[in-house]
Amino acid sequence: MTFVAGDRTFALRVAGDQMPRSMTVTVVMDGRLEWTFDEPGWRPLSVGAAVDRTYLWSARRLIVLPQRPEDNPDLISVDEDLLFVFRVDTGWVLVCETSVRRVLGGNETARLEFGEVLERAVWDSHTLLVHDASGGEHGINVQGGHLCMT
């Protein structure tokens, strides 16, 4: 797959079956810089773009692609399945299988745990709405490094 984000081009190659439940992900930026990652393969690789960042995520890791050729990708790992990733202000909101996390500067600053598996996440104005497997809907506001239930 090839995609463009801002003024950068990215080519993405994914090879599976290197080891059970894993994949090798290769990202080429602007046809000349290349990074390779070994990622868990039990969930499909996902891609996101914000005004100031391009990123992808696997089942357990967020890979933030660099904006400048001299930089390297930033890696943020989690200990449960990563479902959705949103760029919020200068940080991240990670929707995992049973939690929502706020990450700033590569560090987790807040976490909300849920008793159910989360299935969907959407933004409604400035509120993140997460929907769980039992049909519940939970509103979450991001305030700096904090997450607050509405």
N, C-alpha and C. Protein backbone atom coordinates (compact mmCIF):
# COMPACT_ATOMS: atom_id res chain seq x y z
N MET A 1 0.84 -1.17 0.00
CA MET A 1 0.00 0.00 0.00
C MET A 1 0.89 1.24 0.00
N THR A 2 0.49 2.24 -0.73
CA THR A 2 1.16 3.53 -0.74
C THR A 2 0.15 4.57 -0.27
N PHE A 3 0.59 5.48 0.59
CA PHE A 3 -0.29 6.56 1.00
C PHE A 3 0.52 7.83 1.18
N VAL A 4 -0.17 8.96 1.11
CA VAL A 4 0.45 10.27 1.24
C VAL A 4 -0.15 10.94 2.47
N ALA A 5 0.71 11.52 3.29
CA ALA A 5 0.26 12.28 4.45
C ALA A 5 1.06 13.58 4.46
N GLY A 6 0.35 14.69 4.30
CA GLY A 6 1.04 15.98 4.21
C GLY A 6 1.91 15.98 2.97
N ASP A 7 3.19 16.27 3.14
CA ASP A 7 4.11 16.29 2.00
C ASP A 7 5.02 15.07 1.98
N ARG A 8 4.66 14.02 2.68
CA ARG A 8 5.44 12.78 2.72
C ARG A 8 4.69 11.66 2.03
N THR A 9 5.46 10.78 1.36
CA THR A 9 4.88 9.57 0.80
C THR A 9 5.38 8.38 1.61
N PHE A 10 4.52 7.41 1.78
CA PHE A 10 4.86 6.21 2.54
C PHE A 10 4.45 4.99 1.74
N ALA A 11 5.34 4.02 1.69
CA ALA A 11 5.01 2.71 1.13
C ALA A 11 5.03 1.73 2.30
N LEU A 12 4.00 0.92 2.37
CA LEU A 12 3.83 0.00 3.50
C LEU A 12 3.76 -1.42 2.96
N ARG A 13 4.65 -2.27 3.46
CA ARG A 13 4.65 -3.69 3.09
C ARG A 13 4.47 -4.51 4.36
N VAL A 14 3.59 -5.49 4.26
CA VAL A 14 3.33 -6.37 5.40
C VAL A 14 3.52 -7.80 4.94
N ALA A 15 4.36 -8.53 5.67
CA ALA A 15 4.57 -9.96 5.39
C ALA A 15 4.21 -10.73 6.66
N GLY A 16 3.35 -11.73 6.51
CA GLY A 16 2.92 -12.51 7.67
C GLY A 16 3.60 -13.85 7.73
N ASP A 17 3.24 -14.60 8.74
CA ASP A 17 3.70 -15.98 8.92
C ASP A 17 5.20 -16.10 9.13
N GLN A 18 5.87 -15.04 9.59
CA GLN A 18 7.29 -15.17 9.92
C GLN A 18 7.44 -16.06 11.16
N MET A 19 6.56 -15.87 12.10
CA MET A 19 6.44 -16.69 13.30
C MET A 19 4.94 -16.80 13.54
N PRO A 20 4.50 -17.72 14.34
CA PRO A 20 3.06 -17.79 14.60
C PRO A 20 2.53 -16.46 15.13
N ARG A 21 1.43 -16.02 14.52
CA ARG A 21 0.73 -14.81 14.96
C ARG A 21 1.59 -13.55 14.92
N SER A 22 2.49 -13.45 13.95
CA SER A 22 3.30 -12.24 13.83
C SER A 22 3.37 -11.79 12.39
N MET A 23 3.83 -10.56 12.20
CA MET A 23 4.01 -10.03 10.86
C MET A 23 5.22 -9.10 10.87
N THR A 24 5.83 -8.98 9.71
CA THR A 24 6.92 -8.04 9.53
C THR A 24 6.37 -6.86 8.74
N VAL A 25 6.52 -5.67 9.30
CA VAL A 25 6.01 -4.45 8.68
C VAL A 25 7.20 -3.61 8.26
N THR A 26 7.22 -3.24 6.99
CA THR A 26 8.27 -2.37 6.47
C THR A 26 7.62 -1.08 5.98
N VAL A 27 8.16 0.05 6.43
CA VAL A 27 7.68 1.37 6.03
C VAL A 27 8.81 2.08 5.32
N VAL A 28 8.52 2.60 4.13
CA VAL A 28 9.50 3.38 3.38
C VAL A 28 8.95 4.79 3.24
N MET A 29 9.71 5.77 3.71
CA MET A 29 9.28 7.17 3.63
C MET A 29 10.01 7.86 2.49
N ASP A 30 9.26 8.51 1.62
CA ASP A 30 9.79 9.28 0.50
C ASP A 30 10.70 8.46 -0.41
N GLY A 31 10.49 7.16 -0.45
CA GLY A 31 11.24 6.30 -1.34
C GLY A 31 12.69 6.08 -0.97
N ARG A 32 13.11 6.54 0.22
CA ARG A 32 14.53 6.40 0.55
C ARG A 32 14.83 6.00 1.99
N LEU A 33 13.95 6.28 2.93
CA LEU A 33 14.17 5.89 4.32
C LEU A 33 13.30 4.69 4.63
N GLU A 34 13.88 3.71 5.30
CA GLU A 34 13.14 2.46 5.54
C GLU A 34 13.30 2.00 6.98
N TRP A 35 12.18 1.55 7.54
CA TRP A 35 12.17 0.95 8.87
C TRP A 35 11.41 -0.36 8.81
N THR A 36 11.86 -1.33 9.58
CA THR A 36 11.19 -2.63 9.63
C THR A 36 10.87 -2.95 11.08
N PHE A 37 9.65 -3.44 11.30
CA PHE A 37 9.16 -3.75 12.64
C PHE A 37 8.59 -5.16 12.66
N ASP A 38 8.85 -5.89 13.72
CA ASP A 38 8.19 -7.18 13.95
C ASP A 38 7.01 -6.91 14.88
N GLU A 39 5.81 -7.20 14.39
CA GLU A 39 4.60 -6.85 15.11
C GLU A 39 3.72 -8.07 15.33
N PRO A 40 2.90 -8.05 16.39
CA PRO A 40 1.93 -9.12 16.58
C PRO A 40 0.97 -9.12 15.39
N GLY A 41 0.55 -10.31 14.97
CA GLY A 41 -0.26 -10.40 13.77
C GLY A 41 -1.68 -10.87 13.96
N TRP A 42 -2.17 -10.92 15.20
CA TRP A 42 -3.53 -11.43 15.39
C TRP A 42 -4.60 -10.36 15.16
N ARG A 43 -4.22 -9.11 14.96
CA ARG A 43 -5.14 -8.06 14.54
C ARG A 43 -4.55 -7.41 13.30
N PRO A 44 -5.39 -6.90 12.41
CA PRO A 44 -4.85 -6.27 11.21
C PRO A 44 -4.10 -4.98 11.55
N LEU A 45 -3.13 -4.64 10.74
CA LEU A 45 -2.41 -3.39 10.88
C LEU A 45 -3.35 -2.25 10.50
N SER A 46 -3.33 -1.18 11.26
CA SER A 46 -4.19 -0.03 11.01
C SER A 46 -3.34 1.22 10.81
N VAL A 47 -3.89 2.19 10.07
CA VAL A 47 -3.16 3.41 9.72
C VAL A 47 -4.00 4.61 10.11
N GLY A 48 -3.34 5.65 10.63
CA GLY A 48 -4.03 6.89 10.98
C GLY A 48 -3.22 8.10 10.55
N ALA A 49 -3.89 9.22 10.40
CA ALA A 49 -3.23 10.47 10.06
C ALA A 49 -3.91 11.61 10.80
N ALA A 50 -3.11 12.51 11.32
CA ALA A 50 -3.60 13.73 11.95
C ALA A 50 -2.92 14.89 11.22
N VAL A 51 -3.24 16.09 11.60
CA VAL A 51 -2.65 17.25 10.94
C VAL A 51 -1.13 17.22 11.03
N ASP A 52 -0.60 16.78 12.17
CA ASP A 52 0.84 16.85 12.38
C ASP A 52 1.53 15.49 12.51
N ARG A 53 0.82 14.39 12.35
CA ARG A 53 1.43 13.07 12.52
C ARG A 53 0.77 12.04 11.63
N THR A 54 1.59 11.08 11.20
CA THR A 54 1.11 9.89 10.50
C THR A 54 1.52 8.71 11.37
N TYR A 55 0.65 7.73 11.52
CA TYR A 55 0.94 6.65 12.45
C TYR A 55 0.25 5.37 12.00
N LEU A 56 0.73 4.27 12.55
CA LEU A 56 0.10 2.98 12.35
C LEU A 56 0.16 2.23 13.66
N TRP A 57 -0.71 1.22 13.77
CA TRP A 57 -0.69 0.43 14.99
C TRP A 57 -1.03 -1.01 14.70
N SER A 58 -0.42 -1.85 15.53
CA SER A 58 -0.67 -3.29 15.49
C SER A 58 -1.47 -3.64 16.74
N ALA A 59 -1.56 -4.90 17.03
CA ALA A 59 -2.31 -5.35 18.20
C ALA A 59 -1.77 -4.79 19.51
N ARG A 60 -0.47 -4.49 19.56
CA ARG A 60 0.12 -4.09 20.84
C ARG A 60 1.04 -2.87 20.78
N ARG A 61 1.12 -2.21 19.60
CA ARG A 61 2.07 -1.09 19.55
C ARG A 61 1.62 -0.02 18.57
N LEU A 62 1.83 1.23 19.00
CA LEU A 62 1.64 2.41 18.16
C LEU A 62 2.99 2.80 17.60
N ILE A 63 3.05 2.99 16.28
CA ILE A 63 4.27 3.42 15.59
C ILE A 63 3.98 4.79 15.00
N VAL A 64 4.62 5.83 15.54
CA VAL A 64 4.42 7.20 15.07
C VAL A 64 5.54 7.50 14.08
N LEU A 65 5.17 7.72 12.83
CA LEU A 65 6.16 7.95 11.78
C LEU A 65 6.72 9.36 11.89
N PRO A 66 8.00 9.54 11.53
CA PRO A 66 8.62 10.86 11.69
C PRO A 66 8.11 11.86 10.66
N GLN A 67 8.24 13.12 11.00
CA GLN A 67 7.87 14.20 10.09
C GLN A 67 9.08 14.63 9.25
N ARG A 68 10.26 14.44 9.81
CA ARG A 68 11.49 14.87 9.14
C ARG A 68 12.38 13.66 8.88
N PRO A 69 13.11 13.67 7.77
CA PRO A 69 13.95 12.53 7.41
C PRO A 69 15.02 12.17 8.45
N GLU A 70 15.46 13.14 9.24
CA GLU A 70 16.52 12.85 10.21
C GLU A 70 16.01 12.20 11.49
N ASP A 71 14.70 12.09 11.65
CA ASP A 71 14.12 11.50 12.86
C ASP A 71 13.77 10.04 12.64
N ASN A 72 13.60 9.32 13.74
CA ASN A 72 13.17 7.94 13.72
C ASN A 72 11.74 7.84 14.24
N PRO A 73 11.05 6.75 13.93
CA PRO A 73 9.70 6.57 14.46
C PRO A 73 9.71 6.47 15.99
N ASP A 74 8.62 6.93 16.60
CA ASP A 74 8.40 6.75 18.03
C ASP A 74 7.54 5.51 18.21
N LEU A 75 7.84 4.72 19.22
CA LEU A 75 7.13 3.47 19.49
C LEU A 75 6.50 3.54 20.88
N ILE A 76 5.21 3.22 20.95
CA ILE A 76 4.50 3.19 22.23
C ILE A 76 3.82 1.82 22.33
N SER A 77 4.24 1.05 23.32
CA SER A 77 3.70 -0.31 23.50
C SER A 77 2.64 -0.32 24.59
N VAL A 78 1.69 -1.24 24.45
CA VAL A 78 0.65 -1.44 25.45
C VAL A 78 0.58 -2.93 25.80
N ASP A 79 -0.07 -3.23 26.93
CA ASP A 79 -0.12 -4.61 27.42
C ASP A 79 -1.45 -5.29 27.15
N GLU A 80 -2.29 -4.69 26.32
CA GLU A 80 -3.53 -5.33 25.89
C GLU A 80 -3.80 -4.89 24.45
N ASP A 81 -4.74 -5.54 23.79
CA ASP A 81 -4.98 -5.27 22.38
C ASP A 81 -5.38 -3.81 22.15
N LEU A 82 -4.76 -3.21 21.17
CA LEU A 82 -4.97 -1.81 20.79
C LEU A 82 -5.97 -1.78 19.65
N LEU A 83 -7.11 -1.12 19.87
CA LEU A 83 -8.19 -1.12 18.89
C LEU A 83 -8.22 0.14 18.02
N PHE A 84 -8.13 1.31 18.67
CA PHE A 84 -8.21 2.59 17.97
C PHE A 84 -7.19 3.55 18.57
N VAL A 85 -6.67 4.44 17.73
CA VAL A 85 -5.71 5.45 18.18
C VAL A 85 -6.16 6.80 17.64
N PHE A 86 -6.18 7.80 18.54
CA PHE A 86 -6.55 9.15 18.15
C PHE A 86 -5.46 10.12 18.59
N ARG A 87 -5.11 11.04 17.71
CA ARG A 87 -4.18 12.12 18.04
C ARG A 87 -5.00 13.23 18.67
N VAL A 88 -4.68 13.59 19.90
CA VAL A 88 -5.40 14.63 20.62
C VAL A 88 -4.38 15.61 21.19
N ASP A 89 -4.51 16.87 20.79
CA ASP A 89 -3.55 17.90 21.17
C ASP A 89 -2.16 17.42 20.77
N THR A 90 -1.24 17.36 21.71
CA THR A 90 0.12 16.91 21.39
C THR A 90 0.36 15.49 21.87
N GLY A 91 -0.69 14.75 22.11
CA GLY A 91 -0.54 13.38 22.61
C GLY A 91 -1.49 12.43 21.94
N TRP A 92 -1.81 11.35 22.64
CA TRP A 92 -2.57 10.26 22.07
C TRP A 92 -3.66 9.80 23.02
N VAL A 93 -4.75 9.32 22.46
CA VAL A 93 -5.75 8.58 23.21
C VAL A 93 -5.80 7.20 22.57
N LEU A 94 -5.51 6.18 23.38
CA LEU A 94 -5.47 4.80 22.91
C LEU A 94 -6.69 4.07 23.46
N VAL A 95 -7.48 3.52 22.56
CA VAL A 95 -8.62 2.71 22.98
C VAL A 95 -8.18 1.26 22.87
N CYS A 96 -8.07 0.61 24.01
CA CYS A 96 -7.62 -0.78 24.06
C CYS A 96 -8.83 -1.68 24.30
N GLU A 97 -8.57 -2.97 24.45
CA GLU A 97 -9.65 -3.94 24.58
C GLU A 97 -10.57 -3.67 25.76
N THR A 98 -10.00 -3.28 26.91
CA THR A 98 -10.82 -3.03 28.09
C THR A 98 -10.46 -1.72 28.79
N SER A 99 -9.71 -0.85 28.13
CA SER A 99 -9.32 0.41 28.76
C SER A 99 -9.15 1.50 27.71
N VAL A 100 -9.15 2.74 28.20
CA VAL A 100 -8.81 3.91 27.39
C VAL A 100 -7.66 4.59 28.10
N ARG A 101 -6.62 4.96 27.34
CA ARG A 101 -5.41 5.51 27.94
C ARG A 101 -5.05 6.84 27.29
N ARG A 102 -4.49 7.73 28.08
CA ARG A 102 -3.95 9.00 27.60
C ARG A 102 -2.44 8.90 27.64
N VAL A 103 -1.79 9.24 26.55
CA VAL A 103 -0.33 9.17 26.47
C VAL A 103 0.19 10.54 26.02
N LEU A 104 1.11 11.09 26.80
CA LEU A 104 1.78 12.35 26.48
C LEU A 104 3.28 12.14 26.59
N GLY A 105 4.02 12.60 25.60
CA GLY A 105 5.48 12.47 25.64
C GLY A 105 5.95 11.03 25.77
N GLY A 106 5.18 10.09 25.24
CA GLY A 106 5.54 8.68 25.31
C GLY A 106 5.19 8.00 26.62
N ASN A 107 4.61 8.75 27.57
CA ASN A 107 4.26 8.19 28.88
C ASN A 107 2.76 8.20 29.09
N GLU A 108 2.25 7.11 29.67
CA GLU A 108 0.83 7.04 30.01
C GLU A 108 0.57 7.95 31.19
N THR A 109 -0.37 8.90 31.03
CA THR A 109 -0.69 9.85 32.09
C THR A 109 -2.04 9.58 32.73
N ALA A 110 -2.89 8.80 32.07
CA ALA A 110 -4.20 8.48 32.63
C ALA A 110 -4.72 7.20 31.98
N ARG A 111 -5.57 6.49 32.74
CA ARG A 111 -6.19 5.26 32.23
C ARG A 111 -7.56 5.08 32.88
N LEU A 112 -8.52 4.73 32.04
CA LEU A 112 -9.84 4.35 32.52
C LEU A 112 -10.05 2.89 32.18
N GLU A 113 -10.41 2.09 33.18
CA GLU A 113 -10.65 0.66 32.98
C GLU A 113 -12.16 0.42 32.86
N PHE A 114 -12.53 -0.53 32.02
CA PHE A 114 -13.93 -0.88 31.82
C PHE A 114 -14.11 -2.37 32.11
N GLY A 115 -15.27 -2.73 32.63
CA GLY A 115 -15.55 -4.12 32.97
C GLY A 115 -15.94 -4.96 31.76
N GLU A 116 -16.11 -4.34 30.63
CA GLU A 116 -16.52 -5.02 29.40
C GLU A 116 -15.48 -4.77 28.31
N VAL A 117 -15.53 -5.61 27.30
CA VAL A 117 -14.68 -5.42 26.12
C VAL A 117 -15.24 -4.25 25.31
N LEU A 118 -14.36 -3.35 24.89
CA LEU A 118 -14.76 -2.22 24.07
C LEU A 118 -14.76 -2.64 22.60
N GLU A 119 -15.76 -2.19 21.85
CA GLU A 119 -15.89 -2.60 20.45
C GLU A 119 -15.80 -1.45 19.46
N ARG A 120 -16.28 -0.27 19.86
CA ARG A 120 -16.29 0.87 18.95
C ARG A 120 -15.88 2.13 19.69
N ALA A 121 -15.36 3.09 18.93
CA ALA A 121 -15.02 4.39 19.49
C ALA A 121 -15.25 5.44 18.43
N VAL A 122 -15.96 6.51 18.80
CA VAL A 122 -16.23 7.62 17.89
C VAL A 122 -16.15 8.93 18.67
N TRP A 123 -15.86 10.01 17.96
CA TRP A 123 -15.85 11.33 18.57
C TRP A 123 -17.18 12.01 18.30
N ASP A 124 -17.73 12.63 19.33
CA ASP A 124 -18.93 13.46 19.20
C ASP A 124 -18.56 14.80 19.80
N SER A 125 -18.30 15.77 18.94
CA SER A 125 -17.80 17.07 19.35
C SER A 125 -16.45 16.86 20.04
N HIS A 126 -16.34 17.18 21.31
CA HIS A 126 -15.06 17.01 22.02
C HIS A 126 -15.08 15.82 22.97
N THR A 127 -16.05 14.93 22.81
CA THR A 127 -16.20 13.78 23.69
C THR A 127 -15.95 12.49 22.92
N LEU A 128 -15.11 11.64 23.47
CA LEU A 128 -14.90 10.31 22.90
C LEU A 128 -15.99 9.40 23.45
N LEU A 129 -16.72 8.77 22.56
CA LEU A 129 -17.74 7.80 22.97
C LEU A 129 -17.22 6.41 22.67
N VAL A 130 -17.13 5.57 23.70
CA VAL A 130 -16.74 4.18 23.51
C VAL A 130 -17.94 3.30 23.81
N HIS A 131 -18.10 2.28 22.99
CA HIS A 131 -19.23 1.36 23.11
C HIS A 131 -18.68 -0.01 23.49
N ASP A 132 -19.28 -0.62 24.51
CA ASP A 132 -18.78 -1.91 24.95
C ASP A 132 -19.66 -3.05 24.43
N ALA A 133 -19.21 -4.27 24.68
CA ALA A 133 -19.85 -5.47 24.13
C ALA A 133 -21.26 -5.69 24.68
N SER A 134 -21.57 -5.13 25.84
CA SER A 134 -22.91 -5.30 26.40
C SER A 134 -23.87 -4.20 25.96
N GLY A 135 -23.43 -3.32 25.06
CA GLY A 135 -24.28 -2.26 24.55
C GLY A 135 -24.16 -0.95 25.29
N GLY A 136 -23.30 -0.87 26.28
CA GLY A 136 -23.11 0.37 27.03
C GLY A 136 -22.32 1.39 26.24
N GLU A 137 -22.64 2.66 26.49
CA GLU A 137 -21.91 3.78 25.87
C GLU A 137 -21.32 4.63 26.98
N HIS A 138 -20.05 4.98 26.83
CA HIS A 138 -19.34 5.75 27.85
C HIS A 138 -18.72 6.98 27.20
N GLY A 139 -19.00 8.16 27.77
CA GLY A 139 -18.41 9.39 27.27
C GLY A 139 -17.16 9.74 28.04
N ILE A 140 -16.13 10.15 27.30
CA ILE A 140 -14.85 10.48 27.92
C ILE A 140 -14.36 11.81 27.38
N ASN A 141 -14.01 12.73 28.29
CA ASN A 141 -13.39 14.00 27.91
C ASN A 141 -11.90 13.91 28.17
N VAL A 142 -11.13 14.51 27.28
CA VAL A 142 -9.68 14.60 27.44
C VAL A 142 -9.38 16.01 27.92
N GLN A 143 -8.76 16.10 29.08
CA GLN A 143 -8.41 17.39 29.66
C GLN A 143 -6.93 17.37 30.04
N GLY A 144 -6.11 17.91 29.15
CA GLY A 144 -4.66 17.86 29.35
C GLY A 144 -4.20 16.42 29.36
N GLY A 145 -3.55 16.01 30.45
CA GLY A 145 -3.08 14.65 30.58
C GLY A 145 -4.08 13.72 31.23
N HIS A 146 -5.30 14.19 31.43
CA HIS A 146 -6.32 13.43 32.16
C HIS A 146 -7.46 12.97 31.25
N LEU A 147 -8.12 11.92 31.70
CA LEU A 147 -9.34 11.43 31.08
C LEU A 147 -10.45 11.50 32.11
N CYS A 148 -11.60 12.08 31.74
CA CYS A 148 -12.71 12.22 32.68
C CYS A 148 -13.98 11.64 32.06
N MET A 149 -14.66 10.80 32.81
CA MET A 149 -15.95 10.27 32.36
C MET A 149 -16.98 11.38 32.41
N THR A 150 -17.85 11.41 31.39
CA THR A 150 -18.90 12.44 31.38
C THR A 150 -20.19 11.88 31.96
